[in-house]
Amino acid sequence: MLRTSSLAHDPLARQAPNPSSYRFASGDDAEDEAGRRTRFSKGAAGREDLPYRVELWNDAKTGVEQILAVTANSSIGYAAFYAATREHPERYITLRHKNSVVSRWNGPDH
């Protein structure tokens, strides 16, 4: 006798959860009245203790246009710097440790 089974009719079969139903949050996120996590902005003050920064400068090289990465780890900082040089090869990019420039990418001069 050939027996066929369907997972749709099996009460013990479980469906995989929908990945979009998960939300990742840090331990610092607050909860609202219903117990749901809510985001809040720490601003720059929450990142000042992380010493490594990858900075994307404006075309005139007069100021930082965007901070691309902030980390406590030098290896991760350098990896982010390297990735930024590949993503923006024509731009001026710096890797800083606190107030010192550790590495810089000047881009092509043409």
N, C-alpha and C. Protein backbone atom coordinates (compact mmCIF):
# COMPACT_ATOMS: atom_id res chain seq x y z
N MET A 1 0.83 -1.17 0.00
CA MET A 1 0.00 0.00 0.00
C MET A 1 0.88 1.24 0.00
N LEU A 2 0.61 2.15 -0.91
CA LEU A 2 1.36 3.39 -1.03
C LEU A 2 0.69 4.45 -0.19
N ARG A 3 1.47 5.06 0.66
CA ARG A 3 0.90 6.07 1.55
C ARG A 3 1.50 7.43 1.20
N THR A 4 0.65 8.41 1.02
CA THR A 4 1.10 9.77 0.77
C THR A 4 0.71 10.64 1.95
N SER A 5 1.53 11.60 2.23
CA SER A 5 1.20 12.51 3.32
C SER A 5 1.40 13.94 2.86
N SER A 6 0.67 14.78 3.44
CA SER A 6 0.78 16.20 3.12
C SER A 6 1.07 16.97 4.40
N LEU A 7 2.06 17.82 4.36
CA LEU A 7 2.39 18.63 5.52
C LEU A 7 1.28 19.61 5.86
N ALA A 8 0.48 19.97 4.85
CA ALA A 8 -0.60 20.92 5.09
C ALA A 8 -1.66 20.33 6.01
N HIS A 9 -1.83 19.00 5.99
CA HIS A 9 -2.85 18.37 6.81
C HIS A 9 -2.28 17.81 8.11
N ASP A 10 -1.00 17.85 8.28
CA ASP A 10 -0.35 17.31 9.47
C ASP A 10 -0.33 18.39 10.55
N PRO A 11 -1.03 18.19 11.67
CA PRO A 11 -1.08 19.21 12.71
C PRO A 11 0.27 19.41 13.41
N LEU A 12 1.17 18.45 13.29
CA LEU A 12 2.47 18.58 13.94
C LEU A 12 3.50 19.28 13.06
N ALA A 13 3.19 19.40 11.78
CA ALA A 13 4.12 20.07 10.87
C ALA A 13 4.10 21.57 11.15
N ARG A 14 5.28 22.15 11.15
CA ARG A 14 5.38 23.58 11.43
C ARG A 14 5.94 24.29 10.21
N GLN A 15 5.41 25.45 9.97
CA GLN A 15 5.92 26.26 8.87
C GLN A 15 7.10 27.07 9.37
N ALA A 16 8.02 27.34 8.47
CA ALA A 16 9.14 28.20 8.82
C ALA A 16 8.64 29.62 9.04
N PRO A 17 9.16 30.30 10.03
CA PRO A 17 8.71 31.67 10.28
C PRO A 17 9.09 32.59 9.13
N ASN A 18 8.31 33.59 8.94
CA ASN A 18 8.57 34.59 7.92
C ASN A 18 9.75 35.45 8.36
N PRO A 19 10.84 35.50 7.59
CA PRO A 19 12.01 36.28 8.01
C PRO A 19 11.71 37.77 8.18
N SER A 20 10.70 38.27 7.48
CA SER A 20 10.40 39.68 7.62
C SER A 20 9.68 39.99 8.92
N SER A 21 9.29 38.96 9.67
CA SER A 21 8.62 39.20 10.93
C SER A 21 9.60 39.44 12.07
N TYR A 22 10.87 39.21 11.85
CA TYR A 22 11.87 39.45 12.87
C TYR A 22 12.37 40.88 12.81
N ARG A 23 12.69 41.44 13.95
CA ARG A 23 13.26 42.79 14.00
C ARG A 23 14.43 42.73 14.97
N PHE A 24 15.58 43.13 14.52
CA PHE A 24 16.76 43.11 15.36
C PHE A 24 16.89 44.44 16.06
N ALA A 25 17.26 44.39 17.33
CA ALA A 25 17.38 45.61 18.12
C ALA A 25 18.54 45.44 19.08
N SER A 26 19.10 46.54 19.49
CA SER A 26 20.17 46.49 20.47
C SER A 26 19.56 46.37 21.86
N GLY A 27 20.38 46.05 22.82
CA GLY A 27 19.91 45.96 24.19
C GLY A 27 19.54 47.30 24.78
N ASP A 28 19.94 48.39 24.14
CA ASP A 28 19.66 49.73 24.63
C ASP A 28 18.32 50.27 24.15
N ASP A 29 17.64 49.56 23.26
CA ASP A 29 16.37 50.05 22.74
C ASP A 29 15.31 50.03 23.84
N ALA A 30 14.51 51.05 23.88
CA ALA A 30 13.45 51.15 24.87
C ALA A 30 12.22 50.38 24.41
N GLU A 31 11.29 50.14 25.32
CA GLU A 31 10.04 49.48 24.97
C GLU A 31 8.89 50.43 25.22
N ASP A 32 7.86 50.36 24.35
CA ASP A 32 6.68 51.19 24.55
C ASP A 32 5.70 50.49 25.50
N GLU A 33 4.49 51.04 25.64
CA GLU A 33 3.51 50.50 26.57
C GLU A 33 3.12 49.06 26.27
N ALA A 34 3.11 48.69 25.00
CA ALA A 34 2.70 47.35 24.60
C ALA A 34 3.86 46.35 24.68
N GLY A 35 5.02 46.78 25.10
CA GLY A 35 6.17 45.89 25.20
C GLY A 35 6.95 45.75 23.91
N ARG A 36 6.60 46.55 22.90
CA ARG A 36 7.33 46.51 21.63
C ARG A 36 8.57 47.39 21.74
N ARG A 37 9.61 46.95 21.08
CA ARG A 37 10.84 47.75 21.10
C ARG A 37 10.69 48.98 20.22
N THR A 38 11.21 50.09 20.68
CA THR A 38 11.19 51.32 19.90
C THR A 38 12.61 51.81 19.76
N ARG A 39 12.87 52.46 18.65
CA ARG A 39 14.20 53.00 18.42
C ARG A 39 14.28 54.41 18.97
N PHE A 40 15.45 54.77 19.41
CA PHE A 40 15.69 56.15 19.76
C PHE A 40 17.09 56.50 19.30
N SER A 41 17.29 57.74 19.02
CA SER A 41 18.57 58.19 18.49
C SER A 41 19.47 58.66 19.61
N LYS A 42 20.66 58.11 19.66
CA LYS A 42 21.63 58.55 20.64
C LYS A 42 22.41 59.76 20.13
N GLY A 43 22.35 59.97 18.81
CA GLY A 43 23.12 61.07 18.23
C GLY A 43 24.60 60.74 18.22
N ALA A 44 25.41 61.74 18.03
CA ALA A 44 26.85 61.55 17.95
C ALA A 44 27.44 61.19 19.30
N ALA A 45 26.79 61.55 20.39
CA ALA A 45 27.34 61.29 21.71
C ALA A 45 27.52 59.80 21.97
N GLY A 46 26.66 58.95 21.41
CA GLY A 46 26.77 57.51 21.60
C GLY A 46 27.90 56.90 20.82
N ARG A 47 28.45 57.61 19.86
CA ARG A 47 29.52 57.07 19.03
C ARG A 47 30.88 57.66 19.38
N GLU A 48 30.95 58.61 20.27
CA GLU A 48 32.22 59.26 20.58
C GLU A 48 33.21 58.32 21.25
N ASP A 49 32.72 57.27 21.89
CA ASP A 49 33.62 56.35 22.56
C ASP A 49 34.22 55.32 21.60
N LEU A 50 33.76 55.29 20.35
CA LEU A 50 34.32 54.38 19.35
C LEU A 50 35.43 55.10 18.61
N PRO A 51 36.67 54.63 18.73
CA PRO A 51 37.80 55.43 18.26
C PRO A 51 38.07 55.43 16.75
N TYR A 52 37.62 54.42 16.01
CA TYR A 52 37.93 54.34 14.58
C TYR A 52 36.76 54.85 13.75
N ARG A 53 37.08 55.74 12.77
CA ARG A 53 36.05 56.29 11.89
C ARG A 53 36.55 56.28 10.45
N VAL A 54 35.67 55.94 9.54
CA VAL A 54 35.95 56.03 8.10
C VAL A 54 35.15 57.22 7.59
N GLU A 55 35.84 58.20 7.00
CA GLU A 55 35.22 59.45 6.59
C GLU A 55 35.30 59.64 5.08
N LEU A 56 34.20 60.03 4.50
CA LEU A 56 34.12 60.36 3.08
C LEU A 56 34.09 61.89 2.99
N TRP A 57 35.07 62.46 2.29
CA TRP A 57 35.22 63.92 2.22
C TRP A 57 34.50 64.46 0.98
N ASN A 58 34.20 65.75 1.02
CA ASN A 58 33.58 66.40 -0.14
C ASN A 58 34.58 66.51 -1.28
N ASP A 59 34.11 66.89 -2.47
CA ASP A 59 34.98 66.94 -3.65
C ASP A 59 36.13 67.92 -3.50
N ALA A 60 35.92 69.01 -2.78
CA ALA A 60 36.96 70.01 -2.59
C ALA A 60 37.95 69.63 -1.48
N LYS A 61 37.69 68.54 -0.79
CA LYS A 61 38.52 68.06 0.32
C LYS A 61 38.63 69.08 1.44
N THR A 62 37.54 69.84 1.67
CA THR A 62 37.54 70.85 2.72
C THR A 62 36.80 70.39 3.98
N GLY A 63 36.03 69.32 3.88
CA GLY A 63 35.29 68.85 5.04
C GLY A 63 34.72 67.46 4.81
N VAL A 64 34.37 66.81 5.91
CA VAL A 64 33.81 65.47 5.85
C VAL A 64 32.35 65.56 5.41
N GLU A 65 32.03 64.86 4.34
CA GLU A 65 30.67 64.82 3.82
C GLU A 65 29.83 63.79 4.56
N GLN A 66 30.43 62.63 4.86
CA GLN A 66 29.69 61.55 5.50
C GLN A 66 30.65 60.65 6.26
N ILE A 67 30.24 60.20 7.43
CA ILE A 67 31.00 59.19 8.17
C ILE A 67 30.41 57.84 7.77
N LEU A 68 31.24 57.02 7.16
CA LEU A 68 30.77 55.74 6.61
C LEU A 68 30.77 54.62 7.63
N ALA A 69 31.68 54.65 8.59
CA ALA A 69 31.76 53.58 9.59
C ALA A 69 32.37 54.12 10.87
N VAL A 70 31.91 53.57 11.98
CA VAL A 70 32.45 53.88 13.29
C VAL A 70 32.58 52.56 14.03
N THR A 71 33.77 52.28 14.59
CA THR A 71 33.98 51.00 15.24
C THR A 71 35.02 51.11 16.35
N ALA A 72 35.02 50.13 17.23
CA ALA A 72 36.01 50.07 18.29
C ALA A 72 37.21 49.22 17.89
N ASN A 73 37.08 48.47 16.81
CA ASN A 73 38.09 47.51 16.41
C ASN A 73 38.87 48.02 15.21
N SER A 74 40.20 47.98 15.29
CA SER A 74 41.03 48.47 14.19
C SER A 74 40.89 47.63 12.93
N SER A 75 40.76 46.33 13.06
CA SER A 75 40.61 45.45 11.89
C SER A 75 39.31 45.74 11.14
N ILE A 76 38.25 45.94 11.89
CA ILE A 76 36.97 46.26 11.26
C ILE A 76 37.03 47.65 10.64
N GLY A 77 37.69 48.57 11.31
CA GLY A 77 37.86 49.92 10.75
C GLY A 77 38.62 49.90 9.44
N TYR A 78 39.71 49.13 9.39
CA TYR A 78 40.47 49.06 8.16
C TYR A 78 39.69 48.34 7.06
N ALA A 79 38.94 47.32 7.42
CA ALA A 79 38.11 46.62 6.42
C ALA A 79 37.06 47.57 5.85
N ALA A 80 36.45 48.39 6.70
CA ALA A 80 35.47 49.36 6.22
C ALA A 80 36.14 50.42 5.35
N PHE A 81 37.35 50.83 5.72
CA PHE A 81 38.12 51.79 4.92
C PHE A 81 38.43 51.21 3.55
N TYR A 82 38.89 49.98 3.52
CA TYR A 82 39.22 49.31 2.26
C TYR A 82 37.98 49.20 1.38
N ALA A 83 36.86 48.81 1.98
CA ALA A 83 35.61 48.70 1.22
C ALA A 83 35.18 50.06 0.68
N ALA A 84 35.38 51.11 1.46
CA ALA A 84 35.01 52.46 1.02
C ALA A 84 35.87 52.91 -0.16
N THR A 85 37.14 52.54 -0.15
CA THR A 85 38.00 52.92 -1.28
C THR A 85 37.59 52.20 -2.56
N ARG A 86 37.01 51.01 -2.43
CA ARG A 86 36.53 50.28 -3.60
C ARG A 86 35.17 50.81 -4.06
N GLU A 87 34.37 51.25 -3.11
CA GLU A 87 33.04 51.77 -3.42
C GLU A 87 33.10 53.19 -4.00
N HIS A 88 34.06 53.99 -3.53
CA HIS A 88 34.21 55.39 -3.96
C HIS A 88 35.67 55.64 -4.38
N PRO A 89 36.13 55.03 -5.47
CA PRO A 89 37.56 55.14 -5.82
C PRO A 89 38.00 56.54 -6.20
N GLU A 90 37.07 57.41 -6.58
CA GLU A 90 37.43 58.76 -7.02
C GLU A 90 37.40 59.77 -5.87
N ARG A 91 37.04 59.35 -4.67
CA ARG A 91 36.85 60.27 -3.55
C ARG A 91 38.00 60.20 -2.55
N TYR A 92 38.12 61.26 -1.75
CA TYR A 92 39.10 61.32 -0.66
C TYR A 92 38.46 60.67 0.57
N ILE A 93 39.14 59.65 1.11
CA ILE A 93 38.61 58.87 2.23
C ILE A 93 39.70 58.76 3.28
N THR A 94 39.32 58.92 4.55
CA THR A 94 40.29 58.78 5.62
C THR A 94 39.81 57.75 6.64
N LEU A 95 40.79 57.09 7.25
CA LEU A 95 40.55 56.23 8.41
C LEU A 95 41.22 56.92 9.58
N ARG A 96 40.43 57.26 10.58
CA ARG A 96 40.96 57.94 11.77
C ARG A 96 40.90 57.04 12.99
N HIS A 97 41.91 57.21 13.83
CA HIS A 97 41.88 56.67 15.18
C HIS A 97 41.93 57.87 16.11
N LYS A 98 40.81 58.12 16.76
CA LYS A 98 40.60 59.32 17.57
C LYS A 98 40.83 60.53 16.69
N ASN A 99 41.86 61.34 16.92
CA ASN A 99 42.08 62.53 16.09
C ASN A 99 43.21 62.36 15.08
N SER A 100 43.79 61.18 15.00
CA SER A 100 44.92 60.94 14.09
C SER A 100 44.45 60.21 12.84
N VAL A 101 44.95 60.63 11.69
CA VAL A 101 44.66 59.93 10.44
C VAL A 101 45.61 58.73 10.35
N VAL A 102 45.03 57.54 10.30
CA VAL A 102 45.80 56.31 10.22
C VAL A 102 46.11 55.97 8.77
N SER A 103 45.11 56.17 7.89
CA SER A 103 45.29 55.88 6.47
C SER A 103 44.40 56.82 5.67
N ARG A 104 44.83 57.10 4.45
CA ARG A 104 44.03 57.98 3.58
C ARG A 104 44.08 57.48 2.16
N TRP A 105 43.00 57.73 1.44
CA TRP A 105 42.88 57.39 0.04
C TRP A 105 42.55 58.67 -0.69
N ASN A 106 43.46 59.08 -1.57
CA ASN A 106 43.28 60.35 -2.29
C ASN A 106 42.51 60.22 -3.58
N GLY A 107 42.36 59.05 -4.09
CA GLY A 107 41.68 58.89 -5.38
C GLY A 107 42.59 59.35 -6.50
N PRO A 108 42.17 59.15 -7.73
CA PRO A 108 42.99 59.57 -8.88
C PRO A 108 43.05 61.09 -8.99
N ASP A 109 44.14 61.58 -9.57
CA ASP A 109 44.32 63.03 -9.73
C ASP A 109 44.01 63.51 -11.13
N HIS A 110 43.24 62.83 -11.91
CA HIS A 110 42.95 63.28 -13.26
C HIS A 110 41.57 63.78 -13.43
